[in-house]
Amino acid sequence: MSNLHILQQVIVTSLEPMYQEAEERGLWFFHCTETDEEIWCSPGFLQKEQEAGRLIIAPEHWELRDPAGYMSKLVKDCQSIIDEYNEMARRLKIEETLELISHSTNPADAR
């Protein structure tokens, strides 16, 4: 067994308490890279990635967060792309625009 493999095993094992808390509280793993890219992983997805030798990052570089925050980021990213499309359409004098519409199937939101 190589030193790298041993180090990876130590990192994965040291994440066990975070996995347990994430599962109990419905949280996801969040990491911000050195280039300010956000990585959001459900516990199950992160375990599969780590089994494949990817995303083996020490616990001090992960935060546990509510995945609703990731959903909010996705909405902002979608709106940004739509805004860019609409600006290009305006400049090219294309009379087509896009709009982001949200539909909820949650009865509590229908009030």
PDB file of N, CA and C in Angstrom:
ATOM      1  N   MET A   1       0.858  -1.172   0.000  1.00  0.00           N
ATOM      2  CA  MET A   1       0.000   0.000   0.000  1.00  0.00           C
ATOM      3  C   MET A   1       0.908   1.240   0.000  1.00  0.00           C
ATOM      4  N   SER A   2       0.658   2.164  -0.918  1.00  0.00           N
ATOM      5  CA  SER A   2       1.501   3.347  -1.036  1.00  0.00           C
ATOM      6  C   SER A   2       1.169   4.376   0.045  1.00  0.00           C
ATOM      7  N   ASN A   3       2.111   5.280   0.267  1.00  0.00           N
ATOM      8  CA  ASN A   3       1.891   6.349   1.243  1.00  0.00           C
ATOM      9  C   ASN A   3       0.709   7.227   0.848  1.00  0.00           C
ATOM     10  N   LEU A   4       0.548   7.455  -0.455  1.00  0.00           N
ATOM     11  CA  LEU A   4      -0.576   8.261  -0.936  1.00  0.00           C
ATOM     12  C   LEU A   4      -1.898   7.579  -0.605  1.00  0.00           C
ATOM     13  N   HIS A   5      -1.975   6.293  -0.828  1.00  0.00           N
ATOM     14  CA  HIS A   5      -3.206   5.550  -0.529  1.00  0.00           C
ATOM     15  C   HIS A   5      -3.510   5.588   0.968  1.00  0.00           C
ATOM     16  N   ILE A   6      -2.475   5.453   1.791  1.00  0.00           N
ATOM     17  CA  ILE A   6      -2.669   5.521   3.241  1.00  0.00           C
ATOM     18  C   ILE A   6      -3.180   6.898   3.641  1.00  0.00           C
ATOM     19  N   LEU A   7      -2.589   7.951   3.076  1.00  0.00           N
ATOM     20  CA  LEU A   7      -3.029   9.321   3.373  1.00  0.00           C
ATOM     21  C   LEU A   7      -4.487   9.518   2.959  1.00  0.00           C
ATOM     22  N   GLN A   8      -4.857   9.018   1.792  1.00  0.00           N
ATOM     23  CA  GLN A   8      -6.239   9.131   1.341  1.00  0.00           C
ATOM     24  C   GLN A   8      -7.180   8.418   2.296  1.00  0.00           C
ATOM     25  N   GLN A   9      -6.806   7.251   2.759  1.00  0.00           N
ATOM     26  CA  GLN A   9      -7.633   6.502   3.706  1.00  0.00           C
ATOM     27  C   GLN A   9      -7.788   7.258   5.020  1.00  0.00           C
ATOM     28  N   VAL A  10      -6.709   7.884   5.488  1.00  0.00           N
ATOM     29  CA  VAL A  10      -6.767   8.677   6.719  1.00  0.00           C
ATOM     30  C   VAL A  10      -7.738   9.843   6.544  1.00  0.00           C
ATOM     31  N   ILE A  11      -7.673  10.520   5.410  1.00  0.00           N
ATOM     32  CA  ILE A  11      -8.569  11.657   5.156  1.00  0.00           C
ATOM     33  C   ILE A  11     -10.018  11.188   5.118  1.00  0.00           C
ATOM     34  N   VAL A  12     -10.298  10.133   4.379  1.00  0.00           N
ATOM     35  CA  VAL A  12     -11.668   9.625   4.266  1.00  0.00           C
ATOM     36  C   VAL A  12     -12.186   9.200   5.638  1.00  0.00           C
ATOM     37  N   THR A  13     -11.368   8.521   6.403  1.00  0.00           N
ATOM     38  CA  THR A  13     -11.776   8.087   7.743  1.00  0.00           C
ATOM     39  C   THR A  13     -12.033   9.290   8.654  1.00  0.00           C
ATOM     40  N   SER A  14     -11.213  10.328   8.530  1.00  0.00           N
ATOM     41  CA  SER A  14     -11.386  11.502   9.385  1.00  0.00           C
ATOM     42  C   SER A  14     -12.666  12.281   9.058  1.00  0.00           C
ATOM     43  N   LEU A  15     -13.269  12.006   7.908  1.00  0.00           N
ATOM     44  CA  LEU A  15     -14.527  12.665   7.530  1.00  0.00           C
ATOM     45  C   LEU A  15     -15.758  11.973   8.122  1.00  0.00           C
ATOM     46  N   GLU A  16     -15.587  10.808   8.732  1.00  0.00           N
ATOM     47  CA  GLU A  16     -16.730  10.043   9.245  1.00  0.00           C
ATOM     48  C   GLU A  16     -17.662  10.856  10.149  1.00  0.00           C
ATOM     49  N   PRO A  17     -17.149  11.630  11.132  1.00  0.00           N
ATOM     50  CA  PRO A  17     -18.069  12.427  11.963  1.00  0.00           C
ATOM     51  C   PRO A  17     -18.884  13.436  11.146  1.00  0.00           C
ATOM     52  N   MET A  18     -18.269  13.994  10.111  1.00  0.00           N
ATOM     53  CA  MET A  18     -18.993  14.945   9.261  1.00  0.00           C
ATOM     54  C   MET A  18     -20.076  14.221   8.458  1.00  0.00           C
ATOM     55  N   TYR A  19     -19.760  13.016   7.968  1.00  0.00           N
ATOM     56  CA  TYR A  19     -20.769  12.235   7.248  1.00  0.00           C
ATOM     57  C   TYR A  19     -21.962  11.951   8.146  1.00  0.00           C
ATOM     58  N   GLN A  20     -21.676  11.584   9.379  1.00  0.00           N
ATOM     59  CA  GLN A  20     -22.753  11.265  10.315  1.00  0.00           C
ATOM     60  C   GLN A  20     -23.622  12.498  10.579  1.00  0.00           C
ATOM     61  N   GLU A  21     -22.991  13.646  10.828  1.00  0.00           N
ATOM     62  CA  GLU A  21     -23.760  14.868  11.070  1.00  0.00           C
ATOM     63  C   GLU A  21     -24.556  15.272   9.831  1.00  0.00           C
ATOM     64  N   ALA A  22     -23.943  15.148   8.665  1.00  0.00           N
ATOM     65  CA  ALA A  22     -24.628  15.510   7.419  1.00  0.00           C
ATOM     66  C   ALA A  22     -25.879  14.665   7.225  1.00  0.00           C
ATOM     67  N   GLU A  23     -25.752  13.377   7.456  1.00  0.00           N
ATOM     68  CA  GLU A  23     -26.908  12.478   7.303  1.00  0.00           C
ATOM     69  C   GLU A  23     -28.003  12.800   8.319  1.00  0.00           C
ATOM     70  N   GLU A  24     -27.605  13.040   9.557  1.00  0.00           N
ATOM     71  CA  GLU A  24     -28.578  13.309  10.621  1.00  0.00           C
ATOM     72  C   GLU A  24     -29.317  14.626  10.409  1.00  0.00           C
ATOM     73  N   ARG A  25     -28.624  15.620   9.881  1.00  0.00           N
ATOM     74  CA  ARG A  25     -29.203  16.964   9.773  1.00  0.00           C
ATOM     75  C   ARG A  25     -29.606  17.356   8.356  1.00  0.00           C
ATOM     76  N   GLY A  26     -29.439  16.453   7.393  1.00  0.00           N
ATOM     77  CA  GLY A  26     -29.819  16.747   6.004  1.00  0.00           C
ATOM     78  C   GLY A  26     -28.932  17.791   5.353  1.00  0.00           C
ATOM     79  N   LEU A  27     -27.650  17.785   5.687  1.00  0.00           N
ATOM     80  CA  LEU A  27     -26.720  18.783   5.159  1.00  0.00           C
ATOM     81  C   LEU A  27     -25.868  18.190   4.039  1.00  0.00           C
ATOM     82  N   TRP A  28     -25.264  19.075   3.271  1.00  0.00           N
ATOM     83  CA  TRP A  28     -24.356  18.679   2.202  1.00  0.00           C
ATOM     84  C   TRP A  28     -22.965  19.218   2.504  1.00  0.00           C
ATOM     85  N   PHE A  29     -21.969  18.627   1.851  1.00  0.00           N
ATOM     86  CA  PHE A  29     -20.595  19.090   1.969  1.00  0.00           C
ATOM     87  C   PHE A  29     -20.373  20.254   1.005  1.00  0.00           C
ATOM     88  N   PHE A  30     -19.707  21.294   1.500  1.00  0.00           N
ATOM     89  CA  PHE A  30     -19.404  22.482   0.698  1.00  0.00           C
ATOM     90  C   PHE A  30     -17.914  22.754   0.798  1.00  0.00           C
ATOM     91  N   HIS A  31     -17.303  23.067  -0.357  1.00  0.00           N
ATOM     92  CA  HIS A  31     -15.883  23.435  -0.401  1.00  0.00           C
ATOM     93  C   HIS A  31     -15.716  24.543  -1.431  1.00  0.00           C
ATOM     94  N   CYS A  32     -14.955  25.554  -1.076  1.00  0.00           N
ATOM     95  CA  CYS A  32     -14.631  26.630  -2.013  1.00  0.00           C
ATOM     96  C   CYS A  32     -13.173  26.447  -2.423  1.00  0.00           C
ATOM     97  N   THR A  33     -12.941  26.292  -3.725  1.00  0.00           N
ATOM     98  CA  THR A  33     -11.595  26.030  -4.216  1.00  0.00           C
ATOM     99  C   THR A  33     -10.744  27.297  -4.195  1.00  0.00           C
ATOM    100  N   GLU A  34      -9.476  27.128  -4.481  1.00  0.00           N
ATOM    101  CA  GLU A  34      -8.554  28.273  -4.532  1.00  0.00           C
ATOM    102  C   GLU A  34      -8.946  29.257  -5.632  1.00  0.00           C
ATOM    103  N   THR A  35      -9.704  28.799  -6.626  1.00  0.00           N
ATOM    104  CA  THR A  35     -10.157  29.677  -7.710  1.00  0.00           C
ATOM    105  C   THR A  35     -11.599  30.145  -7.490  1.00  0.00           C
ATOM    106  N   ASP A  36     -12.067  30.048  -6.244  1.00  0.00           N
ATOM    107  CA  ASP A  36     -13.405  30.486  -5.835  1.00  0.00           C
ATOM    108  C   ASP A  36     -14.544  29.723  -6.499  1.00  0.00           C
ATOM    109  N   GLU A  37     -14.283  28.498  -6.929  1.00  0.00           N
ATOM    110  CA  GLU A  37     -15.353  27.654  -7.434  1.00  0.00           C
ATOM    111  C   GLU A  37     -15.974  26.924  -6.254  1.00  0.00           C
ATOM    112  N   GLU A  38     -17.291  26.808  -6.277  1.00  0.00           N
ATOM    113  CA  GLU A  38     -17.990  26.128  -5.199  1.00  0.00           C
ATOM    114  C   GLU A  38     -18.233  24.676  -5.559  1.00  0.00           C
ATOM    115  N   ILE A  39     -17.946  23.805  -4.613  1.00  0.00           N
ATOM    116  CA  ILE A  39     -18.240  22.379  -4.774  1.00  0.00           C
ATOM    117  C   ILE A  39     -19.276  22.023  -3.727  1.00  0.00           C
ATOM    118  N   TRP A  40     -20.422  21.525  -4.166  1.00  0.00           N
ATOM    119  CA  TRP A  40     -21.486  21.053  -3.286  1.00  0.00           C
ATOM    120  C   TRP A  40     -21.680  19.572  -3.538  1.00  0.00           C
ATOM    121  N   CYS A  41     -21.663  18.769  -2.480  1.00  0.00           N
ATOM    122  CA  CYS A  41     -21.829  17.329  -2.635  1.00  0.00           C
ATOM    123  C   CYS A  41     -22.765  16.784  -1.568  1.00  0.00           C
ATOM    124  N   SER A  42     -23.725  15.995  -2.007  1.00  0.00           N
ATOM    125  CA  SER A  42     -24.501  15.246  -1.025  1.00  0.00           C
ATOM    126  C   SER A  42     -23.552  14.230  -0.403  1.00  0.00           C
ATOM    127  N   PRO A  43     -23.851  13.758   0.810  1.00  0.00           N
ATOM    128  CA  PRO A  43     -22.971  12.758   1.418  1.00  0.00           C
ATOM    129  C   PRO A  43     -22.770  11.527   0.525  1.00  0.00           C
ATOM    130  N   GLY A  44     -23.839  11.034  -0.076  1.00  0.00           N
ATOM    131  CA  GLY A  44     -23.729   9.859  -0.940  1.00  0.00           C
ATOM    132  C   GLY A  44     -22.863  10.101  -2.159  1.00  0.00           C
ATOM    133  N   PHE A  45     -23.019  11.270  -2.782  1.00  0.00           N
ATOM    134  CA  PHE A  45     -22.221  11.598  -3.964  1.00  0.00           C
ATOM    135  C   PHE A  45     -20.750  11.712  -3.589  1.00  0.00           C
ATOM    136  N   LEU A  46     -20.465  12.381  -2.465  1.00  0.00           N
ATOM    137  CA  LEU A  46     -19.071  12.536  -2.052  1.00  0.00           C
ATOM    138  C   LEU A  46     -18.441  11.182  -1.752  1.00  0.00           C
ATOM    139  N   GLN A  47     -19.165  10.289  -1.124  1.00  0.00           N
ATOM    140  CA  GLN A  47     -18.623   8.960  -0.843  1.00  0.00           C
ATOM    141  C   GLN A  47     -18.283   8.228  -2.137  1.00  0.00           C
ATOM    142  N   LYS A  48     -19.152   8.322  -3.144  1.00  0.00           N
ATOM    143  CA  LYS A  48     -18.872   7.670  -4.434  1.00  0.00           C
ATOM    144  C   LYS A  48     -17.644   8.278  -5.105  1.00  0.00           C
ATOM    145  N   GLU A  49     -17.534   9.602  -5.034  1.00  0.00           N
ATOM    146  CA  GLU A  49     -16.365  10.262  -5.619  1.00  0.00           C
ATOM    147  C   GLU A  49     -15.088   9.812  -4.911  1.00  0.00           C
ATOM    148  N   GLN A  50     -15.141   9.743  -3.591  1.00  0.00           N
ATOM    149  CA  GLN A  50     -13.953   9.347  -2.842  1.00  0.00           C
ATOM    150  C   GLN A  50     -13.596   7.888  -3.087  1.00  0.00           C
ATOM    151  N   GLU A  51     -14.586   7.041  -3.265  1.00  0.00           N
ATOM    152  CA  GLU A  51     -14.308   5.639  -3.606  1.00  0.00           C
ATOM    153  C   GLU A  51     -13.569   5.534  -4.935  1.00  0.00           C
ATOM    154  N   ALA A  52     -13.808   6.510  -5.809  1.00  0.00           N
ATOM    155  CA  ALA A  52     -13.137   6.549  -7.113  1.00  0.00           C
ATOM    156  C   ALA A  52     -11.829   7.347  -7.054  1.00  0.00           C
ATOM    157  N   GLY A  53     -11.449   7.778  -5.840  1.00  0.00           N
ATOM    158  CA  GLY A  53     -10.187   8.501  -5.682  1.00  0.00           C
ATOM    159  C   GLY A  53     -10.265   9.987  -5.978  1.00  0.00           C
ATOM    160  N   ARG A  54     -11.458  10.529  -6.036  1.00  0.00           N
ATOM    161  CA  ARG A  54     -11.635  11.955  -6.318  1.00  0.00           C
ATOM    162  C   ARG A  54     -12.182  12.676  -5.090  1.00  0.00           C
ATOM    163  N   LEU A  55     -11.991  13.984  -5.055  1.00  0.00           N
ATOM    164  CA  LEU A  55     -12.499  14.857  -3.991  1.00  0.00           C
ATOM    165  C   LEU A  55     -12.071  14.401  -2.591  1.00  0.00           C
ATOM    166  N   ILE A  56     -10.866  13.921  -2.507  1.00  0.00           N
ATOM    167  CA  ILE A  56     -10.325  13.525  -1.203  1.00  0.00           C
ATOM    168  C   ILE A  56      -9.674  14.765  -0.610  1.00  0.00           C
ATOM    169  N   ILE A  57     -10.465  15.462   0.171  1.00  0.00           N
ATOM    170  CA  ILE A  57     -10.092  16.753   0.734  1.00  0.00           C
ATOM    171  C   ILE A  57     -10.268  16.654   2.246  1.00  0.00           C
ATOM    172  N   ALA A  58      -9.301  17.130   2.983  1.00  0.00           N
ATOM    173  CA  ALA A  58      -9.316  17.026   4.447  1.00  0.00           C
ATOM    174  C   ALA A  58     -10.522  17.738   5.048  1.00  0.00           C
ATOM    175  N   PRO A  59     -10.973  17.264   6.213  1.00  0.00           N
ATOM    176  CA  PRO A  59     -12.176  17.814   6.843  1.00  0.00           C
ATOM    177  C   PRO A  59     -12.130  19.319   7.084  1.00  0.00           C
ATOM    178  N   GLU A  60     -10.964  19.853   7.379  1.00  0.00           N
ATOM    179  CA  GLU A  60     -10.889  21.296   7.656  1.00  0.00           C
ATOM    180  C   GLU A  60     -11.186  22.153   6.433  1.00  0.00           C
ATOM    181  N   HIS A  61     -11.247  21.535   5.262  1.00  0.00           N
ATOM    182  CA  HIS A  61     -11.553  22.282   4.036  1.00  0.00           C
ATOM    183  C   HIS A  61     -13.008  22.112   3.593  1.00  0.00           C
ATOM    184  N   TRP A  62     -13.763  21.349   4.352  1.00  0.00           N
ATOM    185  CA  TRP A  62     -15.188  21.146   4.064  1.00  0.00           C
ATOM    186  C   TRP A  62     -16.025  21.877   5.107  1.00  0.00           C
ATOM    187  N   GLU A  63     -17.179  22.359   4.692  1.00  0.00           N
ATOM    188  CA  GLU A  63     -18.202  22.862   5.606  1.00  0.00           C
ATOM    189  C   GLU A  63     -19.461  22.061   5.337  1.00  0.00           C
ATOM    190  N   LEU A  64     -20.266  21.882   6.349  1.00  0.00           N
ATOM    191  CA  LEU A  64     -21.574  21.273   6.148  1.00  0.00           C
ATOM    192  C   LEU A  64     -22.579  22.406   6.024  1.00  0.00           C
ATOM    193  N   ARG A  65     -23.360  22.367   4.953  1.00  0.00           N
ATOM    194  CA  ARG A  65     -24.323  23.438   4.690  1.00  0.00           C
ATOM    195  C   ARG A  65     -25.660  22.866   4.235  1.00  0.00           C
ATOM    196  N   ASP A  66     -26.678  23.678   4.405  1.00  0.00           N
ATOM    197  CA  ASP A  66     -28.017  23.334   3.940  1.00  0.00           C
ATOM    198  C   ASP A  66     -28.008  23.369   2.406  1.00  0.00           C
ATOM    199  N   PRO A  67     -28.450  22.305   1.740  1.00  0.00           N
ATOM    200  CA  PRO A  67     -28.417  22.293   0.271  1.00  0.00           C
ATOM    201  C   PRO A  67     -29.337  23.345  -0.359  1.00  0.00           C
ATOM    202  N   ALA A  68     -30.228  23.939   0.417  1.00  0.00           N
ATOM    203  CA  ALA A  68     -31.051  25.025  -0.128  1.00  0.00           C
ATOM    204  C   ALA A  68     -30.162  26.182  -0.577  1.00  0.00           C
ATOM    205  N   GLY A  69     -29.027  26.354   0.062  1.00  0.00           N
ATOM    206  CA  GLY A  69     -28.070  27.381  -0.367  1.00  0.00           C
ATOM    207  C   GLY A  69     -27.550  27.104  -1.756  1.00  0.00           C
ATOM    208  N   TYR A  70     -27.318  25.824  -2.058  1.00  0.00           N
ATOM    209  CA  TYR A  70     -26.861  25.444  -3.395  1.00  0.00           C
ATOM    210  C   TYR A  70     -27.966  25.707  -4.417  1.00  0.00           C
ATOM    211  N   MET A  71     -29.193  25.398  -4.036  1.00  0.00           N
ATOM    212  CA  MET A  71     -30.312  25.651  -4.948  1.00  0.00           C
ATOM    213  C   MET A  71     -30.419  27.143  -5.255  1.00  0.00           C
ATOM    214  N   SER A  72     -30.217  27.973  -4.244  1.00  0.00           N
ATOM    215  CA  SER A  72     -30.249  29.418  -4.439  1.00  0.00           C
ATOM    216  C   SER A  72     -29.154  29.855  -5.409  1.00  0.00           C
ATOM    217  N   LYS A  73     -27.968  29.266  -5.274  1.00  0.00           N
ATOM    218  CA  LYS A  73     -26.875  29.570  -6.196  1.00  0.00           C
ATOM    219  C   LYS A  73     -27.233  29.164  -7.619  1.00  0.00           C
ATOM    220  N   LEU A  74     -27.870  28.010  -7.780  1.00  0.00           N
ATOM    221  CA  LEU A  74     -28.272  27.562  -9.111  1.00  0.00           C
ATOM    222  C   LEU A  74     -29.251  28.537  -9.762  1.00  0.00           C
ATOM    223  N   VAL A  75     -30.195  29.042  -8.975  1.00  0.00           N
ATOM    224  CA  VAL A  75     -31.157  30.011  -9.509  1.00  0.00           C
ATOM    225  C   VAL A  75     -30.421  31.261  -9.974  1.00  0.00           C
ATOM    226  N   LYS A  76     -29.481  31.747  -9.168  1.00  0.00           N
ATOM    227  CA  LYS A  76     -28.712  32.942  -9.560  1.00  0.00           C
ATOM    228  C   LYS A  76     -27.909  32.685 -10.821  1.00  0.00           C
ATOM    229  N   ASP A  77     -27.294  31.500 -10.903  1.00  0.00           N
ATOM    230  CA  ASP A  77     -26.525  31.162 -12.100  1.00  0.00           C
ATOM    231  C   ASP A  77     -27.425  31.114 -13.335  1.00  0.00           C
ATOM    232  N   CYS A  78     -28.603  30.518 -13.195  1.00  0.00           N
ATOM    233  CA  CYS A  78     -29.550  30.448 -14.320  1.00  0.00           C
ATOM    234  C   CYS A  78     -29.972  31.844 -14.748  1.00  0.00           C
ATOM    235  N   GLN A  79     -30.288  32.695 -13.768  1.00  0.00           N
ATOM    236  CA  GLN A  79     -30.727  34.053 -14.091  1.00  0.00           C
ATOM    237  C   GLN A  79     -29.618  34.821 -14.797  1.00  0.00           C
ATOM    238  N   SER A  80     -28.392  34.625 -14.384  1.00  0.00           N
ATOM    239  CA  SER A  80     -27.262  35.295 -15.017  1.00  0.00           C
ATOM    240  C   SER A  80     -27.130  34.877 -16.489  1.00  0.00           C
ATOM    241  N   ILE A  81     -27.294  33.599 -16.770  1.00  0.00           N
ATOM    242  CA  ILE A  81     -27.214  33.108 -18.148  1.00  0.00           C
ATOM    243  C   ILE A  81     -28.375  33.664 -18.978  1.00  0.00           C
ATOM    244  N   ILE A  82     -29.555  33.691 -18.387  1.00  0.00           N
ATOM    245  CA  ILE A  82     -30.719  34.249 -19.090  1.00  0.00           C
ATOM    246  C   ILE A  82     -30.499  35.725 -19.385  1.00  0.00           C
ATOM    247  N   ASP A  83     -29.969  36.459 -18.425  1.00  0.00           N
ATOM    248  CA  ASP A  83     -29.698  37.886 -18.639  1.00  0.00           C
ATOM    249  C   ASP A  83     -28.685  38.083 -19.765  1.00  0.00           C
ATOM    250  N   GLU A  84     -27.667  37.241 -19.803  1.00  0.00           N
ATOM    251  CA  GLU A  84     -26.665  37.329 -20.864  1.00  0.00           C
ATOM    252  C   GLU A  84     -27.300  37.039 -22.223  1.00  0.00           C
ATOM    253  N   TYR A  85     -28.141  36.014 -22.286  1.00  0.00           N
ATOM    254  CA  TYR A  85     -28.835  35.688 -23.528  1.00  0.00           C
ATOM    255  C   TYR A  85     -29.696  36.870 -23.991  1.00  0.00           C
ATOM    256  N   ASN A  86     -30.475  37.407 -23.078  1.00  0.00           N
ATOM    257  CA  ASN A  86     -31.374  38.513 -23.435  1.00  0.00           C
ATOM    258  C   ASN A  86     -30.599  39.748 -23.882  1.00  0.00           C
ATOM    259  N   GLU A  87     -29.462  40.015 -23.287  1.00  0.00           N
ATOM    260  CA  GLU A  87     -28.634  41.148 -23.704  1.00  0.00           C
ATOM    261  C   GLU A  87     -28.085  40.921 -25.109  1.00  0.00           C
ATOM    262  N   MET A  88     -27.654  39.698 -25.401  1.00  0.00           N
ATOM    263  CA  MET A  88     -27.180  39.399 -26.755  1.00  0.00           C
ATOM    264  C   MET A  88     -28.316  39.527 -27.764  1.00  0.00           C
ATOM    265  N   ALA A  89     -29.488  39.027 -27.405  1.00  0.00           N
ATOM    266  CA  ALA A  89     -30.639  39.137 -28.303  1.00  0.00           C
ATOM    267  C   ALA A  89     -30.961  40.598 -28.577  1.00  0.00           C
ATOM    268  N   ARG A  90     -30.901  41.429 -27.531  1.00  0.00           N
ATOM    269  CA  ARG A  90     -31.176  42.860 -27.707  1.00  0.00           C
ATOM    270  C   ARG A  90     -30.157  43.480 -28.660  1.00  0.00           C
ATOM    271  N   ARG A  91     -28.895  43.169 -28.469  1.00  0.00           N
ATOM    272  CA  ARG A  91     -27.844  43.742 -29.319  1.00  0.00           C
ATOM    273  C   ARG A  91     -27.950  43.271 -30.764  1.00  0.00           C
ATOM    274  N   LEU A  92     -28.397  42.028 -30.952  1.00  0.00           N
ATOM    275  CA  LEU A  92     -28.533  41.478 -32.300  1.00  0.00           C
ATOM    276  C   LEU A  92     -29.908  41.747 -32.905  1.00  0.00           C
ATOM    277  N   LYS A  93     -30.705  42.486 -32.147  1.00  0.00           N
ATOM    278  CA  LYS A  93     -32.057  42.857 -32.570  1.00  0.00           C
ATOM    279  C   LYS A  93     -32.930  41.626 -32.854  1.00  0.00           C
ATOM    280  N   ILE A  94     -32.762  40.627 -32.010  1.00  0.00           N
ATOM    281  CA  ILE A  94     -33.595  39.430 -32.063  1.00  0.00           C
ATOM    282  C   ILE A  94     -34.722  39.641 -31.069  1.00  0.00           C
ATOM    283  N   GLU A  95     -35.937  39.442 -31.523  1.00  0.00           N
ATOM    284  CA  GLU A  95     -37.087  39.740 -30.667  1.00  0.00           C
ATOM    285  C   GLU A  95     -37.511  38.564 -29.801  1.00  0.00           C
ATOM    286  N   GLU A  96     -36.574  37.777 -29.421  1.00  0.00           N
ATOM    287  CA  GLU A  96     -36.859  36.652 -28.536  1.00  0.00           C
ATOM    288  C   GLU A  96     -36.108  36.886 -27.231  1.00  0.00           C
ATOM    289  N   THR A  97     -36.802  36.709 -26.125  1.00  0.00           N
ATOM    290  CA  THR A  97     -36.160  36.793 -24.823  1.00  0.00           C
ATOM    291  C   THR A  97     -36.543  35.567 -24.011  1.00  0.00           C
ATOM    292  N   LEU A  98     -35.760  35.320 -23.001  1.00  0.00           N
ATOM    293  CA  LEU A  98     -36.026  34.203 -22.105  1.00  0.00           C
ATOM    294  C   LEU A  98     -36.399  34.743 -20.732  1.00  0.00           C
ATOM    295  N   GLU A  99     -37.143  33.927 -19.981  1.00  0.00           N
ATOM    296  CA  GLU A  99     -37.548  34.315 -18.643  1.00  0.00           C
ATOM    297  C   GLU A  99     -37.463  33.088 -17.738  1.00  0.00           C
ATOM    298  N   LEU A 100     -36.956  33.293 -16.541  1.00  0.00           N
ATOM    299  CA  LEU A 100     -36.890  32.220 -15.562  1.00  0.00           C
ATOM    300  C   LEU A 100     -38.182  32.245 -14.759  1.00  0.00           C
ATOM    301  N   ILE A 101     -38.896  31.134 -14.777  1.00  0.00           N
ATOM    302  CA  ILE A 101     -40.170  31.046 -14.074  1.00  0.00           C
ATOM    303  C   ILE A 101     -40.076  29.905 -13.072  1.00  0.00           C
ATOM    304  N   SER A 102     -40.534  30.159 -11.876  1.00  0.00           N
ATOM    305  CA  SER A 102     -40.522  29.144 -10.829  1.00  0.00           C
ATOM    306  C   SER A 102     -41.931  28.615 -10.612  1.00  0.00           C
ATOM    307  N   HIS A 103     -42.049  27.311 -10.526  1.00  0.00           N
ATOM    308  CA  HIS A 103     -43.329  26.662 -10.231  1.00  0.00           C
ATOM    309  C   HIS A 103     -43.138  25.798  -8.996  1.00  0.00           C
ATOM    310  N   SER A 104     -43.983  25.966  -8.027  1.00  0.00           N
ATOM    311  CA  SER A 104     -43.860  25.171  -6.826  1.00  0.00           C
ATOM    312  C   SER A 104     -45.000  24.178  -6.737  1.00  0.00           C
ATOM    313  N   THR A 105     -44.674  22.966  -6.338  1.00  0.00           N
ATOM    314  CA  THR A 105     -45.705  21.953  -6.109  1.00  0.00           C
ATOM    315  C   THR A 105     -45.946  21.767  -4.616  1.00  0.00           C
ATOM    316  N   ASN A 106     -45.327  22.659  -3.831  1.00  0.00           N
ATOM    317  CA  ASN A 106     -45.492  22.615  -2.383  1.00  0.00           C
ATOM    318  C   ASN A 106     -46.782  23.359  -2.023  1.00  0.00           C
ATOM    319  N   PRO A 107     -47.779  22.690  -1.443  1.00  0.00           N
ATOM    320  CA  PRO A 107     -49.058  23.351  -1.101  1.00  0.00           C
ATOM    321  C   PRO A 107     -48.874  24.550  -0.189  1.00  0.00           C
ATOM    322  N   ALA A 108     -47.861  24.542   0.658  1.00  0.00           N
ATOM    323  CA  ALA A 108     -47.639  25.672   1.558  1.00  0.00           C
ATOM    324  C   ALA A 108     -47.253  26.937   0.785  1.00  0.00           C
ATOM    325  N   ASP A 109     -46.678  26.783  -0.404  1.00  0.00           N
ATOM    326  CA  ASP A 109     -46.286  27.934  -1.205  1.00  0.00           C
ATOM    327  C   ASP A 109     -47.441  28.526  -1.987  1.00  0.00           C
ATOM    328  N   ALA A 110     -48.575  27.844  -2.036  1.00  0.00           N
ATOM    329  CA  ALA A 110     -49.713  28.278  -2.856  1.00  0.00           C
ATOM    330  C   ALA A 110     -50.585  29.313  -2.146  1.00  0.00           C
ATOM    331  N   ARG A 111     -50.250  29.634  -0.928  1.00  0.00           N
ATOM    332  CA  ARG A 111     -51.074  30.594  -0.171  1.00  0.00           C
ATOM    333  C   ARG A 111     -51.063  31.964  -0.729  1.00  0.00           C
TER     334      ARG A 111
END
